[in-house]
Amino acid sequence: MRFHSSLLMVAMLSASLVCAENLTETNVEKAQSIIGKAVDAYGGDDKLAAMVTIVVEHETLTYAVDQSRAAEPPWDRNPSSGVSAIDLDNNVFVTRNSGSGGGFEFDNGTIINGSDSYQLNYRSGTVANIAEPDFDTTSGPFIRVTPALLVRTLKDRSQNAYYLGEVAADGRTYDVVGFSMTVGPAISLYFDSEDYLLHRSERIFAGVGLVEYRFDDYTKVDGIPFNRKFRLMLNGDHNMERNNRSIQVNAPITDLAVADSGLESIPAIVPDELSRQQIAAGVYLIGGSGTYAMFIEMKDYVIAAGGTAGIPARIEQLREVVPDKPIKFGVMTHHHFDHVMGVSAYEAEGAALITAAAHEQKIRNAAENGADLNVKIVDDRMVFEDASRKVEVIDIGPTAHTEHLLITYLPDEGILFEADHFAMPRTGPVPPAVSSTKSFAAALIEHDIEVEKIVSAHSPRVGTMEDLRAALDKEAVKVSQQ
């Protein structure tokens, strides 16, 4: 009986394996069939292969979802305009954008062109060589909003494509194919089952959620369909609307890929590795990749300021110099989603989260167990003092960036930690002040805060009041773009 049962189990397992093998084969064949139809819809193999350069001039309206001055809708709307250009044969990518939003005025660009790769800042009139340019990462956002490029990339990477199924949405029936680009999460492409044009795509980002891309108003350029309109949705909310004013295929981009001669050269941009620096005795700035937190050693515990990405790694660095004292408080500067990503790390440490009342729900939403999260509300000012030092957490809002902004201030040392208002550039001169910087400077005067060192959540370079005054005194440089 036991023998027959074993035979039955083997037979059942074999049948399952055959079904699984057939399912995989069917899935692959279906994906390849859809890819072939999509390639034909976008002009065919020859047209896509001959598509070497693309230049798109665009106007964009960004809805600042979870990045507005207020913590709740309606979200701020920020306009910008620019141009993006790509050379697929030579791995050259150029983007230039100007606009305003969130208390920032910007006019900048990026050139990825091998050793001649640069970051351009037209407001400050500077150009910095990029020491380690990454074509795939930098050009990825442009490829993902340009269906013809997505289809060409899908064809080139068809070996990792998979069929997800048929779905009805937006009044259409779609065949959905998923695949992975060189960089970033997998992407799902929705092809209309009648014309096989791409009308939407989706990706899931850990800690962010569902990002949806919508493509509308197609026109043909050089026999290839291009969308004139693009929308981006974040967890169902409108995040971006873009109108492509002009689209060129196989136009030369040589002039765009050269840094403007009127810009001042500053030191090269090198990778921002995780690091720890001591700002004062028992005060540490720890971070990398553009996100930093400040840790303050009190007599029996630690206060952490800042909640950007990578807090667990920053805590590990802290433990090398402060191994035993618990992190008792985590100061959340404001409600923007990139500044509450560290909430769960502080929660795991057993810390109380310090925030403005208007931002409490955003902080709880970012926690693993928001209902039971220990939250301390700052009305105007909260003071911590022991035999070691005095620390003040002050709400200096409203500013041009957010209605409430908590800064962490050490009055005896003259150290202030802030986020998004005055981040020193990693290299080069201090740029002209933007609106958020101006409102930050005004708030320091209003609250009678005397500062010697300004520490930022987005830079390893510590600023001074002299640097802040220099920024306020500077006018934006006028450089004619080629």
Protein backbone atom coordinates (compact mmCIF):
# COMPACT_ATOMS: atom_id res chain seq x y z
CA MET A 1 0.00 0.00 0.00
CA ARG A 2 2.84 2.31 0.90
CA PHE A 3 4.52 1.44 -2.44
CA HIS A 4 1.40 2.28 -4.45
CA SER A 5 1.00 5.56 -2.54
CA SER A 6 4.57 6.48 -3.42
CA LEU A 7 3.94 5.75 -7.10
CA LEU A 8 0.82 7.91 -6.99
CA MET A 9 2.76 10.80 -5.42
CA VAL A 10 5.49 10.51 -8.09
CA ALA A 11 2.86 10.47 -10.82
CA MET A 12 1.15 13.55 -9.37
CA LEU A 13 4.47 15.39 -9.04
CA SER A 14 5.40 14.53 -12.63
CA ALA A 15 2.04 15.81 -13.87
CA SER A 16 2.54 19.06 -11.94
CA LEU A 17 5.98 19.52 -13.43
CA VAL A 18 4.68 18.97 -16.96
CA CYS A 19 1.91 21.51 -16.39
CA ALA A 20 4.39 24.01 -14.99
CA GLU A 21 6.69 23.47 -17.96
CA ASN A 22 3.81 23.94 -20.40
CA LEU A 23 2.70 27.09 -18.55
CA THR A 24 6.17 28.60 -18.74
CA GLU A 25 6.52 27.75 -22.42
CA THR A 26 3.08 29.15 -23.20
CA ASN A 27 3.87 32.31 -21.22
CA VAL A 28 7.12 32.89 -23.08
CA GLU A 29 5.55 32.25 -26.48
CA LYS A 30 2.67 34.64 -25.71
CA ALA A 31 5.07 37.37 -24.55
CA GLN A 32 7.17 37.00 -27.71
CA SER A 33 4.05 37.17 -29.88
CA ILE A 34 2.92 40.41 -28.22
CA ILE A 35 6.41 41.90 -28.49
CA GLY A 36 6.40 41.14 -32.21
CA LYS A 37 3.04 42.87 -32.68
CA ALA A 38 4.20 45.87 -30.63
CA VAL A 39 7.38 46.18 -32.69
CA ASP A 40 5.28 46.15 -35.88
CA ALA A 41 2.95 48.79 -34.39
CA TYR A 42 5.93 51.06 -33.74
CA GLY A 43 7.22 50.92 -37.30
CA GLY A 44 8.85 47.49 -37.40
CA ASP A 45 12.33 46.16 -36.72
CA ASP A 46 14.04 48.27 -39.36
CA LYS A 47 12.49 51.56 -38.25
CA LEU A 48 13.25 50.97 -34.56
CA ALA A 49 16.80 49.84 -35.32
CA ALA A 50 17.38 52.94 -37.44
CA MET A 51 16.08 55.22 -34.66
CA VAL A 52 19.42 56.46 -33.37
CA THR A 53 18.61 59.83 -31.79
CA ILE A 54 15.47 61.36 -30.31
CA VAL A 55 15.06 64.97 -29.21
CA VAL A 56 11.92 66.00 -27.27
CA GLU A 57 11.04 69.50 -26.13
CA HIS A 58 8.43 69.41 -23.39
CA GLU A 59 6.36 71.41 -20.92
CA THR A 60 5.53 69.77 -17.60
CA LEU A 61 3.15 70.40 -14.73
CA THR A 62 4.06 68.51 -11.57
CA TYR A 63 1.52 67.85 -8.84
CA ALA A 64 3.56 67.79 -5.64
CA VAL A 65 1.94 64.68 -4.10
CA ASP A 66 3.14 64.44 -0.49
CA GLN A 67 5.69 67.13 -1.41
CA SER A 68 3.50 70.22 -1.08
CA ARG A 69 3.67 72.94 1.54
CA ALA A 70 0.57 71.48 3.18
CA ALA A 71 0.31 67.88 4.35
CA GLU A 72 -3.01 67.28 2.59
CA PRO A 73 -4.50 67.96 -0.88
CA PRO A 74 -4.96 70.01 -2.93
CA TRP A 75 -1.33 69.53 -3.91
CA ASP A 76 0.86 72.36 -5.17
CA ARG A 77 1.31 72.55 -8.96
CA ASN A 78 4.79 73.32 -10.26
CA PRO A 79 5.51 74.24 -13.91
CA SER A 80 8.71 73.52 -15.81
CA SER A 81 9.99 73.20 -19.37
CA GLY A 82 12.97 71.56 -20.99
CA VAL A 83 14.50 69.30 -23.57
CA SER A 84 15.68 65.68 -23.45
CA ALA A 85 17.86 64.06 -26.10
CA ILE A 86 19.31 60.58 -26.47
CA ASP A 87 21.82 58.94 -28.82
CA LEU A 88 21.32 55.19 -28.56
CA ASP A 89 24.35 54.22 -30.64
CA ASN A 90 26.82 56.22 -28.55
CA ASN A 91 25.19 56.10 -25.09
CA VAL A 92 24.76 59.87 -24.95
CA PHE A 93 21.94 61.44 -22.95
CA VAL A 94 21.20 65.12 -22.36
CA THR A 95 18.48 66.78 -20.30
CA ARG A 96 17.93 70.44 -19.51
CA ASN A 97 15.10 71.82 -17.37
CA SER A 98 14.01 75.10 -15.86
CA GLY A 99 11.09 75.97 -13.63
CA SER A 100 10.00 76.46 -10.05
CA GLY A 101 8.21 74.67 -7.25
CA GLY A 102 8.41 73.86 -3.57
CA GLY A 103 10.32 77.03 -2.82
CA PHE A 104 12.96 76.25 -5.44
CA GLU A 105 13.83 77.97 -8.70
CA PHE A 106 15.96 75.81 -10.99
CA ASP A 107 17.67 76.01 -14.35
CA ASN A 108 20.00 73.08 -14.84
CA GLY A 109 21.06 70.20 -17.02
CA THR A 110 22.92 66.92 -17.26
CA ILE A 111 25.15 65.61 -20.03
CA ILE A 112 26.09 61.93 -20.08
CA ASN A 113 28.74 61.46 -22.73
CA GLY A 114 31.52 59.18 -21.48
CA SER A 115 34.38 61.17 -19.98
CA ASP A 116 32.71 64.39 -21.18
CA SER A 117 29.81 64.10 -18.73
CA TYR A 118 28.69 67.14 -16.77
CA GLN A 119 26.21 68.63 -14.32
CA LEU A 120 25.21 72.13 -15.44
CA ASN A 121 23.73 74.82 -13.18
CA TYR A 122 22.69 77.91 -15.10
CA ARG A 123 21.49 79.82 -12.00
CA SER A 124 24.91 79.55 -10.39
CA GLY A 125 26.76 79.59 -13.72
CA THR A 126 28.77 76.43 -12.98
CA VAL A 127 29.66 73.14 -14.65
CA ALA A 128 31.03 70.07 -12.89
CA ASN A 129 32.42 66.96 -14.52
CA ILE A 130 30.67 63.73 -13.50
CA ALA A 131 33.44 61.37 -12.45
CA GLU A 132 31.41 58.16 -12.83
CA PRO A 133 28.62 58.75 -15.38
CA ASP A 134 25.85 56.16 -15.59
CA PHE A 135 23.99 56.21 -18.91
CA ASP A 136 21.40 53.57 -17.96
CA THR A 137 20.37 55.18 -14.68
CA THR A 138 20.30 58.75 -16.03
CA SER A 139 18.48 58.00 -19.28
CA GLY A 140 16.05 55.51 -17.70
CA PRO A 141 13.35 58.08 -16.74
CA PHE A 142 13.29 59.42 -20.32
CA ILE A 143 13.06 55.94 -21.82
CA ARG A 144 10.19 55.06 -19.49
CA VAL A 145 8.10 58.04 -20.67
CA THR A 146 8.82 57.45 -24.38
CA PRO A 147 6.90 54.38 -25.63
CA ALA A 148 8.95 53.95 -28.81
CA LEU A 149 12.08 53.68 -26.67
CA LEU A 150 10.35 51.32 -24.26
CA VAL A 151 9.33 49.00 -27.11
CA ARG A 152 12.84 49.05 -28.55
CA THR A 153 14.26 48.27 -25.10
CA LEU A 154 11.69 45.50 -24.61
CA LYS A 155 12.70 43.95 -27.92
CA ASP A 156 16.40 44.09 -26.98
CA ARG A 157 15.65 42.53 -23.56
CA SER A 158 12.91 40.15 -24.68
CA GLN A 159 14.73 37.21 -23.07
CA ASN A 160 13.54 38.42 -19.64
CA ALA A 161 9.99 39.34 -20.73
CA TYR A 162 6.95 37.52 -19.36
CA TYR A 163 3.21 37.55 -20.12
CA LEU A 164 1.06 38.83 -17.26
CA GLY A 165 -2.38 38.37 -18.82
CA GLU A 166 -5.26 40.21 -20.42
CA VAL A 167 -7.01 43.03 -18.58
CA ALA A 168 -9.80 45.51 -19.29
CA ALA A 169 -9.15 49.12 -18.21
CA ASP A 170 -9.71 52.66 -19.51
CA GLY A 171 -12.33 51.34 -21.94
CA ARG A 172 -9.70 49.17 -23.66
CA THR A 173 -8.56 45.57 -23.56
CA TYR A 174 -4.85 45.18 -22.91
CA ASP A 175 -2.28 42.43 -23.25
CA VAL A 176 0.19 43.01 -20.43
CA VAL A 177 3.88 42.12 -20.69
CA GLY A 178 6.39 42.57 -17.88
CA PHE A 179 10.16 42.86 -18.10
CA SER A 180 13.14 44.32 -16.27
CA MET A 181 15.22 47.20 -17.59
CA THR A 182 18.90 47.47 -16.75
CA VAL A 183 18.15 49.56 -13.66
CA GLY A 184 15.16 49.71 -11.32
CA PRO A 185 12.07 47.66 -10.52
CA ALA A 186 10.34 45.53 -13.16
CA ILE A 187 7.84 47.34 -15.37
CA SER A 188 4.49 46.15 -16.74
CA LEU A 189 3.55 47.34 -20.23
CA TYR A 190 -0.13 47.54 -21.29
CA PHE A 191 -0.52 47.06 -25.07
CA ASP A 192 -3.91 47.75 -26.65
CA SER A 193 -5.05 44.39 -28.00
CA GLU A 194 -6.29 46.06 -31.21
CA ASP A 195 -3.50 48.41 -32.32
CA TYR A 196 -0.73 47.20 -29.92
CA LEU A 197 0.26 50.73 -29.02
CA LEU A 198 1.41 51.28 -25.43
CA HIS A 199 -1.12 53.30 -23.46
CA ARG A 200 -0.03 52.67 -19.88
CA SER A 201 2.68 51.03 -17.78
CA GLU A 202 3.24 50.41 -14.08
CA ARG A 203 6.02 49.85 -11.56
CA ILE A 204 6.06 49.18 -7.82
CA PHE A 205 8.59 51.05 -5.67
CA ALA A 206 9.27 49.81 -2.14
CA GLY A 207 8.31 52.50 0.35
CA VAL A 208 6.58 54.59 -2.33
CA GLY A 209 3.93 52.39 -3.92
CA LEU A 210 2.38 52.13 -7.37
CA VAL A 211 3.72 54.40 -10.11
CA GLU A 212 1.55 54.49 -13.25
CA TYR A 213 2.50 55.95 -16.63
CA ARG A 214 -0.19 56.96 -19.18
CA PHE A 215 0.50 57.71 -22.86
CA ASP A 216 -1.97 59.58 -25.08
CA ASP A 217 -2.41 61.58 -28.29
CA TYR A 218 -0.16 59.62 -30.62
CA THR A 219 1.38 61.07 -33.75
CA LYS A 220 3.87 59.59 -36.21
CA VAL A 221 7.38 60.96 -36.59
CA ASP A 222 9.50 59.33 -39.28
CA GLY A 223 6.92 56.53 -39.44
CA ILE A 224 7.15 55.79 -35.68
CA PRO A 225 4.26 56.52 -33.27
CA PHE A 226 5.12 58.97 -30.47
CA ASN A 227 2.86 60.15 -27.67
CA ARG A 228 2.35 63.90 -27.42
CA LYS A 229 0.91 63.66 -23.93
CA PHE A 230 2.12 61.83 -20.85
CA ARG A 231 0.70 61.50 -17.34
CA LEU A 232 2.25 60.00 -14.23
CA MET A 233 0.13 58.75 -11.32
CA LEU A 234 1.43 57.99 -7.82
CA ASN A 235 -0.80 55.63 -5.86
CA GLY A 236 -3.74 56.82 -7.94
CA ASP A 237 -3.03 60.55 -7.54
CA HIS A 238 -2.03 62.74 -10.48
CA ASN A 239 1.66 63.47 -10.10
CA MET A 240 2.76 64.83 -13.48
CA GLU A 241 1.34 65.98 -16.81
CA ARG A 242 3.62 66.56 -19.77
CA ASN A 243 3.05 67.93 -23.25
CA ASN A 244 5.70 67.11 -25.83
CA ARG A 245 5.90 70.29 -27.89
CA SER A 246 8.22 68.86 -30.53
CA ILE A 247 9.70 65.44 -31.32
CA GLN A 248 12.61 64.84 -33.67
CA VAL A 249 14.03 61.51 -34.80
CA ASN A 250 17.65 61.19 -35.96
CA ALA A 251 18.34 64.90 -35.55
CA PRO A 252 21.95 65.68 -34.55
CA ILE A 253 22.43 66.25 -30.81
CA THR A 254 26.13 67.15 -30.88
CA ASP A 255 25.55 70.78 -29.85
CA LEU A 256 23.34 69.73 -26.94
CA ALA A 257 25.99 67.34 -25.63
CA VAL A 258 28.63 70.06 -25.13
CA ALA A 259 28.90 72.09 -21.93
CA ASP A 260 28.22 75.79 -22.46
CA SER A 261 31.40 77.84 -22.67
CA GLY A 262 30.05 80.57 -20.38
CA LEU A 263 29.89 78.28 -17.33
CA GLU A 264 32.57 78.27 -14.62
CA SER A 265 34.22 74.88 -14.12
CA ILE A 266 34.09 73.53 -10.56
CA PRO A 267 35.51 70.30 -9.05
CA ALA A 268 34.17 67.00 -10.37
CA ILE A 269 31.17 65.24 -8.83
CA VAL A 270 32.29 61.95 -7.31
CA PRO A 271 30.17 59.21 -5.67
CA ASP A 272 28.77 60.22 -2.30
CA GLU A 273 29.84 57.28 -0.15
CA LEU A 274 28.40 56.54 3.29
CA SER A 275 30.51 58.45 5.81
CA ARG A 276 30.54 59.85 9.32
CA GLN A 277 31.93 63.19 10.38
CA GLN A 278 32.08 64.74 13.82
CA ILE A 279 30.60 68.25 13.80
CA ALA A 280 31.38 68.83 17.49
CA ALA A 281 32.08 66.65 20.51
CA GLY A 282 29.36 64.00 20.51
CA VAL A 283 27.60 65.42 17.42
CA TYR A 284 27.80 63.38 14.22
CA LEU A 285 26.60 63.89 10.66
CA ILE A 286 26.21 60.48 9.02
CA GLY A 287 25.03 59.64 5.50
CA GLY A 288 25.74 59.32 1.82
CA SER A 289 24.07 59.32 -1.60
CA GLY A 290 22.62 62.74 -0.83
CA THR A 291 20.81 61.88 2.43
CA TYR A 292 22.12 62.66 5.92
CA ALA A 293 21.01 62.55 9.56
CA MET A 294 22.56 64.23 12.59
CA PHE A 295 22.99 62.29 15.85
CA ILE A 296 23.46 64.13 19.15
CA GLU A 297 24.92 62.32 22.15
CA MET A 298 23.31 63.32 25.42
CA LYS A 299 24.38 62.03 28.84
CA ASP A 300 22.31 58.84 28.76
CA TYR A 301 20.75 58.75 25.29
CA VAL A 302 20.91 59.98 21.69
CA ILE A 303 18.71 62.42 19.75
CA ALA A 304 18.50 61.78 16.00
CA ALA A 305 17.55 64.57 13.58
CA GLY A 306 16.29 63.75 10.08
CA GLY A 307 14.34 60.87 8.59
CA THR A 308 15.53 60.43 5.00
CA ALA A 309 16.39 57.11 3.35
CA GLY A 310 19.02 54.77 4.77
CA ILE A 311 18.60 55.45 8.49
CA PRO A 312 19.45 51.83 9.51
CA ALA A 313 22.87 52.11 7.85
CA ARG A 314 23.43 55.46 9.50
CA ILE A 315 22.57 54.00 12.91
CA GLU A 316 25.13 51.25 12.30
CA GLN A 317 27.77 53.94 11.71
CA LEU A 318 26.68 55.70 14.90
CA ARG A 319 27.11 52.49 16.93
CA GLU A 320 30.81 52.43 16.04
CA VAL A 321 31.32 55.54 18.18
CA VAL A 322 28.28 55.49 20.51
CA PRO A 323 27.69 51.78 21.11
CA ASP A 324 25.52 51.73 24.23
CA LYS A 325 23.24 54.75 24.44
CA PRO A 326 19.70 54.27 23.09
CA ILE A 327 18.21 56.55 20.45
CA LYS A 328 15.46 58.05 22.56
CA PHE A 329 14.08 60.65 20.13
CA GLY A 330 13.88 60.97 16.35
CA VAL A 331 13.14 64.47 15.04
CA MET A 332 11.10 64.51 11.80
CA THR A 333 11.84 67.79 10.02
CA HIS A 334 8.64 67.81 7.93
CA HIS A 335 6.03 65.64 6.23
CA HIS A 336 7.45 65.11 2.72
CA PHE A 337 7.63 61.43 1.84
CA ASP A 338 11.40 61.42 1.38
CA HIS A 339 11.79 62.80 4.91
CA VAL A 340 9.66 60.22 6.73
CA MET A 341 11.32 57.13 5.23
CA GLY A 342 13.36 56.68 8.43
CA VAL A 343 10.33 56.54 10.75
CA SER A 344 10.22 52.75 10.92
CA ALA A 345 13.95 52.56 11.75
CA TYR A 346 13.51 54.89 14.73
CA GLU A 347 10.36 53.00 15.68
CA ALA A 348 12.40 49.77 15.77
CA GLU A 349 14.89 51.51 18.07
CA GLY A 350 12.07 52.32 20.49
CA ALA A 351 12.47 56.06 19.94
CA ALA A 352 9.72 58.64 20.32
CA LEU A 353 9.03 60.49 17.05
CA ILE A 354 9.00 64.28 17.32
CA THR A 355 6.85 66.14 14.80
CA ALA A 356 4.53 69.07 14.21
CA ALA A 357 0.85 68.33 14.89
CA ALA A 358 -0.07 68.89 11.24
CA HIS A 359 2.37 66.14 10.23
CA GLU A 360 1.45 63.53 12.85
CA GLN A 361 -0.70 61.39 10.56
CA LYS A 362 2.02 61.29 7.87
CA ILE A 363 4.47 60.09 10.53
CA ARG A 364 2.08 57.41 11.77
CA ASN A 365 1.40 56.28 8.19
CA ALA A 366 5.13 55.75 7.68
CA ALA A 367 5.47 53.52 10.75
CA GLU A 368 5.11 49.74 10.96
CA ASN A 369 2.55 50.18 13.74
CA GLY A 370 1.32 53.74 13.47
CA ALA A 371 -1.49 53.41 15.99
CA ASP A 372 0.93 52.57 18.81
CA LEU A 373 3.77 54.83 17.68
CA ASN A 374 5.16 57.05 20.44
CA VAL A 375 4.70 60.56 19.03
CA LYS A 376 5.68 63.85 20.69
CA ILE A 377 4.16 67.04 19.28
CA VAL A 378 6.13 70.27 18.99
CA ASP A 379 3.85 73.29 19.26
CA ASP A 380 6.52 75.97 18.97
CA ARG A 381 9.64 74.74 20.74
CA MET A 382 10.73 71.61 22.64
CA VAL A 383 13.85 71.68 24.85
CA PHE A 384 16.08 68.78 25.96
CA GLU A 385 18.74 69.53 28.55
CA ASP A 386 20.98 67.47 30.81
CA ALA A 387 24.49 67.62 32.20
CA SER A 388 25.85 67.01 28.70
CA ARG A 389 24.20 69.74 26.60
CA LYS A 390 21.07 71.62 25.59
CA VAL A 391 19.10 70.82 22.42
CA GLU A 392 16.13 72.74 21.08
CA VAL A 393 13.66 71.56 18.46
CA ILE A 394 11.96 74.62 16.94
CA ASP A 395 9.17 74.97 14.39
CA ILE A 396 10.34 77.83 12.17
CA GLY A 397 7.53 77.44 9.63
CA PRO A 398 5.86 78.54 7.54
CA THR A 399 8.52 78.71 4.83
CA ALA A 400 8.35 78.71 1.05
CA HIS A 401 8.85 74.93 1.18
CA THR A 402 6.56 73.70 3.96
CA GLU A 403 4.05 75.12 6.40
CA HIS A 404 5.90 73.57 9.35
CA LEU A 405 9.64 72.93 9.56
CA LEU A 406 11.37 71.50 12.63
CA ILE A 407 15.00 72.46 12.98
CA THR A 408 17.28 70.92 15.62
CA TYR A 409 19.40 73.58 17.32
CA LEU A 410 22.32 73.32 19.72
CA PRO A 411 22.58 76.88 21.11
CA ASP A 412 25.84 76.42 23.02
CA GLU A 413 27.64 75.00 19.96
CA GLY A 414 25.80 77.19 17.42
CA ILE A 415 24.86 74.10 15.34
CA LEU A 416 21.61 73.88 13.41
CA PHE A 417 20.25 70.90 11.44
CA GLU A 418 17.74 71.64 8.68
CA ALA A 419 16.22 69.96 5.63
CA ASP A 420 15.55 71.28 2.09
CA HIS A 421 16.31 74.94 2.73
CA PHE A 422 20.07 75.43 2.62
CA ALA A 423 22.04 72.42 1.49
CA MET A 424 25.57 73.41 0.55
CA PRO A 425 26.71 72.06 -2.83
CA ARG A 426 29.20 69.24 -2.42
CA THR A 427 31.69 71.19 -4.55
CA GLY A 428 32.03 74.70 -5.88
CA PRO A 429 30.71 78.10 -4.78
CA VAL A 430 27.50 78.75 -2.90
CA PRO A 431 24.66 79.17 -5.44
CA PRO A 432 22.23 82.09 -5.42
CA ALA A 433 19.51 81.71 -2.80
CA VAL A 434 16.17 80.23 -3.85
CA SER A 435 12.86 81.14 -2.22
CA SER A 436 13.10 78.43 0.44
CA THR A 437 16.56 79.66 1.45
CA LYS A 438 15.35 83.24 1.71
CA SER A 439 12.43 82.24 3.96
CA PHE A 440 14.79 80.08 6.05
CA ALA A 441 17.11 83.05 6.59
CA ALA A 442 14.17 85.25 7.55
CA ALA A 443 12.96 82.63 10.04
CA LEU A 444 16.35 82.55 11.78
CA ILE A 445 16.07 86.29 12.37
CA GLU A 446 12.44 86.03 13.50
CA HIS A 447 13.26 83.31 16.04
CA ASP A 448 16.50 84.99 17.15
CA ILE A 449 18.58 81.92 16.32
CA GLU A 450 22.35 82.48 16.27
CA VAL A 451 24.16 79.94 14.09
CA GLU A 452 27.77 79.07 13.40
CA LYS A 453 27.29 75.77 11.53
CA ILE A 454 24.36 74.86 9.26
CA VAL A 455 24.04 71.11 8.78
CA SER A 456 21.74 69.75 6.08
CA ALA A 457 19.80 66.55 5.41
CA HIS A 458 21.04 66.59 1.81
CA SER A 459 24.72 67.47 1.91
CA PRO A 460 27.89 66.38 3.72
CA ARG A 461 29.24 69.91 3.46
CA VAL A 462 28.59 72.06 6.52
CA GLY A 463 27.65 75.68 5.86
CA THR A 464 28.07 78.86 7.87
CA MET A 465 26.19 82.13 8.26
CA GLU A 466 28.78 83.65 5.93
CA ASP A 467 27.78 81.08 3.31
CA LEU A 468 24.10 81.88 3.85
CA ARG A 469 24.72 85.61 3.48
CA ALA A 470 26.74 84.98 0.33
CA ALA A 471 23.83 83.03 -1.17
CA LEU A 472 21.39 85.81 -0.30
CA ASP A 473 23.65 88.43 -1.89
CA LYS A 474 24.10 86.54 -5.17
CA GLU A 475 22.03 87.11 -8.28
CA ALA A 476 21.20 84.24 -10.60
CA VAL A 477 23.73 84.08 -13.44
CA LYS A 478 22.42 84.63 -16.95
CA VAL A 479 24.02 82.12 -19.31
CA SER A 480 22.72 81.66 -22.83
CA GLN A 481 22.08 77.97 -23.48
CA GLN A 482 23.29 76.52 -26.75
